[in-house]
Amino acid sequence: MGPLKRPATNGESGNKAMKVGQAADAAAAQEVEVERSLATSGLGAAHAVHGKVPVIDLSSSEAAEAIWEAAKEPGFFVVTNHGIPEGAIDEAFGLSAGFFGQSRELKETQSPFAANLNAGYEFFSQVRPSTGAPDQKESLQITAREGCMDGRWPSTSFEASMREFMQKSHALGCRILSILEPQACPKLTPGTLASAHNLWADDGQCTLRLLHYPPVHEPGQLPANYWRAGPHTDWCCITLLFQRPGNEGLECAPNPKAMKEGAPWLKVDPVPGGIAVNIGDMLGRWSDSRLLSNLHRVRMPTVGECAIPKSRYSMAFFMQADKHVRIECDTCDTITAGDYILGRIRSNFAK
């Protein structure tokens, strides 16, 4: 039996918590600075080329290696034959359109936003560090943590359908993380990344965000720094992004930390039967930067696209590890996933 350890005093516990908080803030500040630099470098507003991100058939025997190569560069890819029925995706989009089709007052009443839970309905409120302007969108944030959605589900049938859709999205997210894990995080016990993400746990952080970009009637009247979604990286491990054909506008570029000077923005147009996937900041840290989070944005519609103004809809499922999970790597201090997200929130909104 080893020597007994002296219990930590309140002062020691406080100092440890302070150091963890400082480490989380330092990690987050680096990521936010990447976004802020886009405003001065000109990269954030550079035009996208008509390139393509890789489209990968998950039923292929070569899918794992193709995903790894795509995750390294450009950090964005599209998967097909992914196992989520098209009918389930259509149903979720239908429920999303039905919710957003209501008056703002009804939406706020049905799903009031709670900043402390990061759950509920938001209207044109997200300001990106890369633009300093609000994204031209509204969203419904469904945080899969016990109690977060109490009093925030628009209806019982909406809740049942979205819970089922989130379960399917979560299963696909775990599958992709397990494909990436051996090369991204070779020291982890197999299955660690997947088991770190749980739905409706008491400290879960996985989130589904339903997004609506309202029609733009006079595109030339908005300032140049206004975007449907300004250039940014995601805070999670990976994001699954669901798009509809005819809803173009998503674009991506490698993270500047990858030292890809002059790398272009690429169009990530909807692919029939496909789901877009991108790497987030949390996996970048966990992987010791073997993978880097991907920059992406949603441009404003062109004058031609506004000839008949229309809404744009998408859905993003964020695979964020449970709060208690320790993000351990060789080159960074160990922090929990909960501390990491708190650091991102504090840094993102710091002046």
Protein backbone atom coordinates (compact mmCIF):
# COMPACT_ATOMS: atom_id res chain seq x y z
CA MET A 1 0.00 0.00 0.00
CA GLY A 2 1.46 3.35 -1.01
CA PRO A 3 1.76 6.38 1.25
CA LEU A 4 -1.43 8.18 2.14
CA LYS A 5 -2.00 11.41 0.25
CA ARG A 6 -2.77 14.55 2.21
CA PRO A 7 -6.22 15.89 1.22
CA ALA A 8 -6.04 19.08 -0.78
CA THR A 9 -6.88 22.22 1.13
CA ASN A 10 -9.47 24.68 -0.12
CA GLY A 11 -6.65 26.96 -1.21
CA GLU A 12 -4.92 24.20 -3.18
CA SER A 13 -8.18 23.18 -4.85
CA GLY A 14 -8.84 26.80 -5.74
CA ASN A 15 -5.37 27.21 -7.21
CA LYS A 16 -5.78 24.03 -9.26
CA ALA A 17 -9.11 25.22 -10.60
CA MET A 18 -7.57 28.58 -11.46
CA LYS A 19 -4.72 26.92 -13.36
CA VAL A 20 -7.15 24.71 -15.27
CA GLY A 21 -9.24 27.76 -16.14
CA GLN A 22 -6.16 29.64 -17.30
CA ALA A 23 -5.12 26.69 -19.47
CA ALA A 24 -8.60 26.54 -21.02
CA ASP A 25 -8.59 30.29 -21.66
CA ALA A 26 -5.14 30.12 -23.26
CA ALA A 27 -6.23 27.28 -25.54
CA ALA A 28 -9.38 29.09 -26.53
CA ALA A 29 -7.61 32.39 -27.14
CA GLN A 30 -5.40 30.76 -29.76
CA GLU A 31 -8.42 29.50 -31.67
CA VAL A 32 -10.31 32.78 -31.45
CA GLU A 33 -7.25 34.68 -32.63
CA VAL A 34 -7.31 32.59 -35.80
CA GLU A 35 -10.81 33.90 -36.46
CA ARG A 36 -10.00 37.50 -35.54
CA SER A 37 -6.98 37.50 -37.86
CA LEU A 38 -9.24 36.83 -40.84
CA ALA A 39 -10.64 40.36 -40.67
CA THR A 40 -7.22 41.98 -41.14
CA SER A 41 -5.54 39.39 -43.37
CA GLY A 42 -8.23 39.51 -46.04
CA LEU A 43 -8.51 35.73 -46.03
CA GLY A 44 -11.96 35.79 -44.49
CA ALA A 45 -13.46 37.71 -47.42
CA ALA A 46 -11.51 36.05 -50.24
CA HIS A 47 -13.70 34.61 -52.99
CA ALA A 48 -14.18 30.85 -53.15
CA VAL A 49 -13.07 28.84 -56.15
CA HIS A 50 -15.20 26.18 -57.79
CA GLY A 51 -13.24 23.41 -56.14
CA LYS A 52 -14.66 20.36 -54.44
CA VAL A 53 -14.13 18.77 -51.07
CA PRO A 54 -13.74 14.98 -51.16
CA VAL A 55 -16.91 12.88 -51.40
CA ILE A 56 -16.37 9.54 -49.62
CA ASP A 57 -18.53 6.43 -49.87
CA LEU A 58 -18.62 4.98 -46.35
CA SER A 59 -19.41 1.52 -47.75
CA SER A 60 -16.10 1.46 -49.61
CA SER A 61 -13.17 -0.60 -48.32
CA GLU A 62 -10.99 2.49 -48.83
CA ALA A 63 -13.23 4.82 -46.83
CA ALA A 64 -11.07 4.92 -43.67
CA GLU A 65 -7.90 6.06 -45.45
CA ALA A 66 -9.86 8.50 -47.61
CA ILE A 67 -11.42 10.06 -44.50
CA TRP A 68 -8.02 10.43 -42.84
CA GLU A 69 -6.52 12.14 -45.88
CA ALA A 70 -9.52 14.46 -46.22
CA ALA A 71 -9.48 15.26 -42.50
CA LYS A 72 -5.85 16.37 -42.75
CA GLU A 73 -6.54 18.60 -45.74
CA PRO A 74 -8.88 20.35 -46.34
CA GLY A 75 -10.47 19.20 -43.06
CA PHE A 76 -13.88 19.03 -44.71
CA PHE A 77 -15.43 16.12 -46.60
CA VAL A 78 -18.81 14.66 -47.54
CA VAL A 79 -19.88 11.10 -46.70
CA THR A 80 -22.42 9.06 -48.64
CA ASN A 81 -23.96 5.66 -47.82
CA HIS A 82 -23.78 6.83 -44.21
CA GLY A 83 -26.71 4.86 -42.83
CA ILE A 84 -29.10 7.70 -41.97
CA PRO A 85 -32.28 7.22 -44.03
CA GLU A 86 -33.09 10.12 -46.33
CA GLY A 87 -36.64 10.06 -44.97
CA ALA A 88 -35.36 10.81 -41.46
CA ILE A 89 -33.37 13.78 -42.77
CA ASP A 90 -36.36 15.05 -44.75
CA GLU A 91 -38.58 14.80 -41.66
CA ALA A 92 -36.10 16.78 -39.56
CA PHE A 93 -35.85 19.50 -42.21
CA GLY A 94 -39.64 19.63 -42.40
CA LEU A 95 -39.95 20.12 -38.65
CA SER A 96 -37.25 22.78 -38.78
CA ALA A 97 -39.04 24.72 -41.53
CA GLY A 98 -42.32 24.45 -39.65
CA PHE A 99 -40.79 25.87 -36.48
CA PHE A 100 -39.02 28.75 -38.21
CA GLY A 101 -42.13 29.55 -40.24
CA GLN A 102 -43.84 30.85 -37.11
CA SER A 103 -43.67 34.40 -35.76
CA ARG A 104 -40.61 35.36 -33.75
CA GLU A 105 -42.79 35.82 -30.67
CA LEU A 106 -44.11 32.26 -30.89
CA LYS A 107 -40.63 30.81 -31.40
CA GLU A 108 -39.27 32.68 -28.38
CA THR A 109 -42.25 31.53 -26.30
CA GLN A 110 -41.97 27.89 -27.36
CA SER A 111 -38.20 27.67 -26.86
CA PRO A 112 -36.82 30.54 -24.76
CA PHE A 113 -33.04 30.83 -24.98
CA ALA A 114 -31.00 30.03 -21.87
CA ALA A 115 -27.44 31.33 -22.15
CA ASN A 116 -26.24 29.25 -19.18
CA LEU A 117 -27.44 26.09 -20.94
CA ASN A 118 -26.69 27.21 -24.50
CA ALA A 119 -30.13 25.95 -25.46
CA GLY A 120 -33.20 27.42 -27.12
CA TYR A 121 -34.09 29.87 -29.88
CA GLU A 122 -31.79 32.69 -31.00
CA PHE A 123 -32.45 35.45 -33.53
CA PHE A 124 -29.55 37.19 -35.34
CA SER A 125 -27.54 37.22 -32.10
CA GLN A 126 -24.27 35.42 -32.87
CA VAL A 127 -21.42 37.86 -33.55
CA ARG A 128 -18.30 36.31 -35.09
CA PRO A 129 -14.80 37.48 -34.06
CA SER A 130 -13.89 37.36 -37.77
CA THR A 131 -16.50 39.95 -38.76
CA GLY A 132 -17.63 41.85 -35.67
CA ALA A 133 -21.15 41.64 -37.11
CA PRO A 134 -24.13 39.38 -36.35
CA ASP A 135 -24.69 36.33 -38.51
CA GLN A 136 -27.77 36.76 -40.67
CA LYS A 137 -29.59 33.77 -39.27
CA GLU A 138 -31.85 32.37 -36.59
CA SER A 139 -31.34 29.05 -34.89
CA LEU A 140 -32.79 26.52 -32.47
CA GLN A 141 -30.11 25.03 -30.25
CA ILE A 142 -30.95 21.56 -28.88
CA THR A 143 -28.37 20.66 -26.25
CA ALA A 144 -28.46 16.94 -25.42
CA ARG A 145 -27.83 17.30 -21.70
CA GLU A 146 -30.25 16.23 -18.98
CA GLY A 147 -32.66 19.06 -18.20
CA CYS A 148 -31.37 21.51 -20.83
CA MET A 149 -34.45 21.26 -23.02
CA ASP A 150 -37.05 21.26 -20.27
CA GLY A 151 -39.66 23.81 -21.35
CA ARG A 152 -37.86 24.37 -24.67
CA TRP A 153 -39.29 21.67 -26.92
CA PRO A 154 -41.75 23.27 -29.39
CA SER A 155 -44.06 20.23 -29.06
CA THR A 156 -44.10 16.63 -27.87
CA SER A 157 -44.05 15.25 -31.43
CA PHE A 158 -41.17 17.61 -32.32
CA GLU A 159 -39.21 16.32 -29.32
CA ALA A 160 -39.76 12.66 -30.18
CA SER A 161 -38.69 13.08 -33.80
CA MET A 162 -35.64 15.20 -33.01
CA ARG A 163 -34.44 12.84 -30.27
CA GLU A 164 -34.58 9.98 -32.76
CA PHE A 165 -32.79 12.04 -35.42
CA MET A 166 -30.09 13.02 -32.92
CA GLN A 167 -29.60 9.36 -32.01
CA LYS A 168 -28.92 8.52 -35.66
CA SER A 169 -26.58 11.51 -36.03
CA HIS A 170 -24.73 10.57 -32.85
CA ALA A 171 -24.19 6.99 -34.08
CA LEU A 172 -22.70 8.29 -37.34
CA GLY A 173 -20.53 10.77 -35.46
CA CYS A 174 -19.17 7.99 -33.22
CA ARG A 175 -18.45 5.89 -36.29
CA ILE A 176 -16.42 8.65 -37.94
CA LEU A 177 -14.52 9.44 -34.72
CA SER A 178 -13.60 5.76 -34.42
CA ILE A 179 -12.30 5.79 -37.99
CA LEU A 180 -10.12 8.84 -37.25
CA GLU A 181 -8.96 7.78 -33.78
CA PRO A 182 -6.08 5.36 -34.59
CA GLN A 183 -4.14 7.97 -36.57
CA ALA A 184 -5.40 11.14 -34.89
CA CYS A 185 -4.94 9.95 -31.29
CA PRO A 186 -2.75 6.81 -31.46
CA LYS A 187 -2.17 6.64 -27.69
CA LEU A 188 -5.86 6.44 -26.82
CA THR A 189 -7.50 3.12 -26.01
CA PRO A 190 -9.66 2.20 -29.02
CA GLY A 191 -13.17 3.51 -28.60
CA THR A 192 -12.19 6.37 -26.27
CA LEU A 193 -13.42 9.15 -28.55
CA ALA A 194 -16.77 7.53 -29.24
CA SER A 195 -17.41 6.70 -25.57
CA ALA A 196 -16.59 10.29 -24.58
CA HIS A 197 -19.72 11.57 -26.33
CA ASN A 198 -23.10 10.69 -24.83
CA LEU A 199 -26.62 11.93 -25.45
CA TRP A 200 -28.75 13.19 -22.55
CA ALA A 201 -26.13 12.48 -19.89
CA ASP A 202 -26.04 14.81 -16.88
CA ASP A 203 -22.93 16.48 -18.31
CA GLY A 204 -23.43 15.85 -22.04
CA GLN A 205 -22.45 18.53 -24.55
CA CYS A 206 -23.48 17.13 -27.95
CA THR A 207 -25.77 19.60 -29.69
CA LEU A 208 -28.07 19.79 -32.70
CA ARG A 209 -28.50 23.28 -34.16
CA LEU A 210 -31.34 23.89 -36.58
CA LEU A 211 -30.49 26.85 -38.82
CA HIS A 212 -32.61 29.19 -40.91
CA TYR A 213 -31.14 31.93 -43.07
CA PRO A 214 -34.09 34.16 -44.05
CA PRO A 215 -34.56 35.40 -47.64
CA VAL A 216 -32.49 38.42 -48.67
CA HIS A 217 -34.46 40.90 -50.76
CA GLU A 218 -31.83 43.62 -51.27
CA PRO A 219 -28.35 42.02 -51.07
CA GLY A 220 -26.56 45.23 -52.03
CA GLN A 221 -27.95 47.05 -48.99
CA LEU A 222 -26.04 45.01 -46.40
CA PRO A 223 -22.50 45.97 -45.24
CA ALA A 224 -19.58 44.01 -46.67
CA ASN A 225 -18.84 42.37 -43.31
CA TYR A 226 -22.29 40.77 -43.11
CA TRP A 227 -22.44 37.03 -43.77
CA ARG A 228 -25.11 34.44 -43.31
CA ALA A 229 -22.43 32.82 -41.12
CA GLY A 230 -19.08 34.58 -40.74
CA PRO A 231 -15.83 32.62 -41.11
CA HIS A 232 -15.17 30.47 -38.06
CA THR A 233 -13.98 27.16 -36.67
CA ASP A 234 -16.21 24.84 -34.63
CA TRP A 235 -15.50 24.13 -30.96
CA CYS A 236 -16.32 20.42 -31.09
CA CYS A 237 -14.49 17.27 -32.20
CA ILE A 238 -16.39 16.93 -35.48
CA THR A 239 -19.54 18.45 -36.97
CA LEU A 240 -22.08 16.70 -39.17
CA LEU A 241 -23.68 19.27 -41.47
CA PHE A 242 -26.92 18.47 -43.27
CA GLN A 243 -27.75 20.55 -46.37
CA ARG A 244 -30.49 20.58 -48.99
CA PRO A 245 -29.92 20.64 -52.77
CA GLY A 246 -30.47 24.17 -54.02
CA ASN A 247 -29.20 25.67 -50.75
CA GLU A 248 -25.68 26.57 -51.85
CA GLY A 249 -23.44 28.99 -49.98
CA LEU A 250 -21.27 26.92 -47.62
CA GLU A 251 -17.52 27.41 -48.21
CA CYS A 252 -14.39 26.14 -46.44
CA ALA A 253 -10.65 26.79 -46.21
CA PRO A 254 -7.76 25.17 -44.32
CA ASN A 255 -6.93 26.54 -40.89
CA PRO A 256 -4.14 29.19 -41.17
CA LYS A 257 -2.28 27.26 -38.44
CA ALA A 258 -1.65 24.61 -41.08
CA MET A 259 0.59 27.19 -42.82
CA LYS A 260 -1.25 26.75 -46.10
CA GLU A 261 -0.61 30.26 -47.36
CA GLY A 262 -2.76 31.14 -50.31
CA ALA A 263 -4.94 28.04 -49.92
CA PRO A 264 -8.30 28.90 -51.49
CA TRP A 265 -11.80 28.78 -50.11
CA LEU A 266 -13.67 25.87 -51.67
CA LYS A 267 -17.38 25.53 -52.25
CA VAL A 268 -19.07 22.83 -50.18
CA ASP A 269 -22.26 22.55 -52.22
CA PRO A 270 -24.94 20.03 -51.17
CA VAL A 271 -24.43 16.49 -52.48
CA PRO A 272 -27.57 14.36 -52.95
CA GLY A 273 -27.53 11.70 -50.25
CA GLY A 274 -24.43 13.24 -48.65
CA ILE A 275 -23.61 14.70 -45.23
CA ALA A 276 -20.74 17.17 -44.86
CA VAL A 277 -18.24 16.59 -42.03
CA ASN A 278 -15.62 18.97 -40.66
CA ILE A 279 -12.93 18.82 -37.99
CA GLY A 280 -13.36 20.97 -34.87
CA ASP A 281 -11.02 22.61 -32.36
CA MET A 282 -11.51 20.01 -29.62
CA LEU A 283 -10.22 17.19 -31.82
CA GLY A 284 -7.37 19.42 -32.97
CA ARG A 285 -6.19 19.68 -29.37
CA TRP A 286 -6.83 16.01 -28.57
CA SER A 287 -4.84 14.93 -31.63
CA ASP A 288 -1.77 17.05 -30.79
CA SER A 289 -2.53 19.03 -33.98
CA ARG A 290 -2.28 15.96 -36.20
CA LEU A 291 -5.63 17.29 -37.37
CA LEU A 292 -6.62 20.94 -37.39
CA SER A 293 -10.06 22.50 -37.22
CA ASN A 294 -11.46 23.73 -40.50
CA LEU A 295 -12.50 27.28 -41.33
CA HIS A 296 -15.92 27.62 -42.91
CA ARG A 297 -18.55 30.26 -43.63
CA VAL A 298 -21.90 30.76 -45.37
CA ARG A 299 -21.83 33.57 -47.91
CA MET A 300 -24.67 35.96 -48.60
CA PRO A 301 -26.76 35.07 -51.67
CA THR A 302 -25.78 36.64 -54.98
CA VAL A 303 -27.92 39.21 -56.75
CA GLY A 304 -29.02 36.50 -59.17
CA GLU A 305 -30.00 34.15 -56.34
CA CYS A 306 -32.10 36.96 -54.83
CA ALA A 307 -34.14 37.43 -58.01
CA ILE A 308 -36.55 35.04 -56.32
CA PRO A 309 -35.64 35.43 -52.62
CA LYS A 310 -35.69 32.19 -50.66
CA SER A 311 -34.72 30.80 -47.29
CA ARG A 312 -31.71 28.61 -46.71
CA TYR A 313 -31.91 25.78 -44.18
CA SER A 314 -29.25 23.54 -42.70
CA MET A 315 -28.72 21.40 -39.59
CA ALA A 316 -25.46 21.00 -37.67
CA PHE A 317 -24.81 18.19 -35.19
CA PHE A 318 -21.83 18.97 -32.96
CA MET A 319 -19.96 16.07 -31.38
CA GLN A 320 -18.69 17.69 -28.16
CA ALA A 321 -17.29 15.41 -25.46
CA ASP A 322 -19.02 15.17 -22.07
CA LYS A 323 -17.92 17.82 -19.56
CA HIS A 324 -15.97 15.47 -17.27
CA VAL A 325 -13.89 13.90 -20.06
CA ARG A 326 -10.18 14.71 -19.83
CA ILE A 327 -8.54 15.90 -23.05
CA GLU A 328 -5.04 14.50 -22.65
CA CYS A 329 -2.28 15.05 -25.19
CA ASP A 330 1.50 15.37 -25.29
CA THR A 331 1.89 19.03 -26.23
CA CYS A 332 -0.84 20.71 -24.13
CA ASP A 333 -2.01 20.82 -20.52
CA THR A 334 -4.73 18.33 -19.66
CA ILE A 335 -8.13 19.98 -19.31
CA THR A 336 -11.66 18.67 -19.31
CA ALA A 337 -14.00 19.04 -22.26
CA GLY A 338 -16.25 21.17 -20.04
CA ASP A 339 -13.40 23.56 -19.19
CA TYR A 340 -12.47 23.72 -22.85
CA ILE A 341 -15.95 24.79 -23.96
CA LEU A 342 -16.16 27.34 -21.12
CA GLY A 343 -12.83 28.76 -22.24
CA ARG A 344 -14.13 29.08 -25.80
CA ILE A 345 -17.23 30.88 -24.61
CA ARG A 346 -15.24 33.32 -22.45
CA SER A 347 -12.65 33.99 -25.14
CA ASN A 348 -15.15 34.27 -27.95
CA PHE A 349 -17.00 37.09 -26.23
CA ALA A 350 -14.04 38.85 -24.63
CA LYS A 351 -13.50 42.39 -25.89
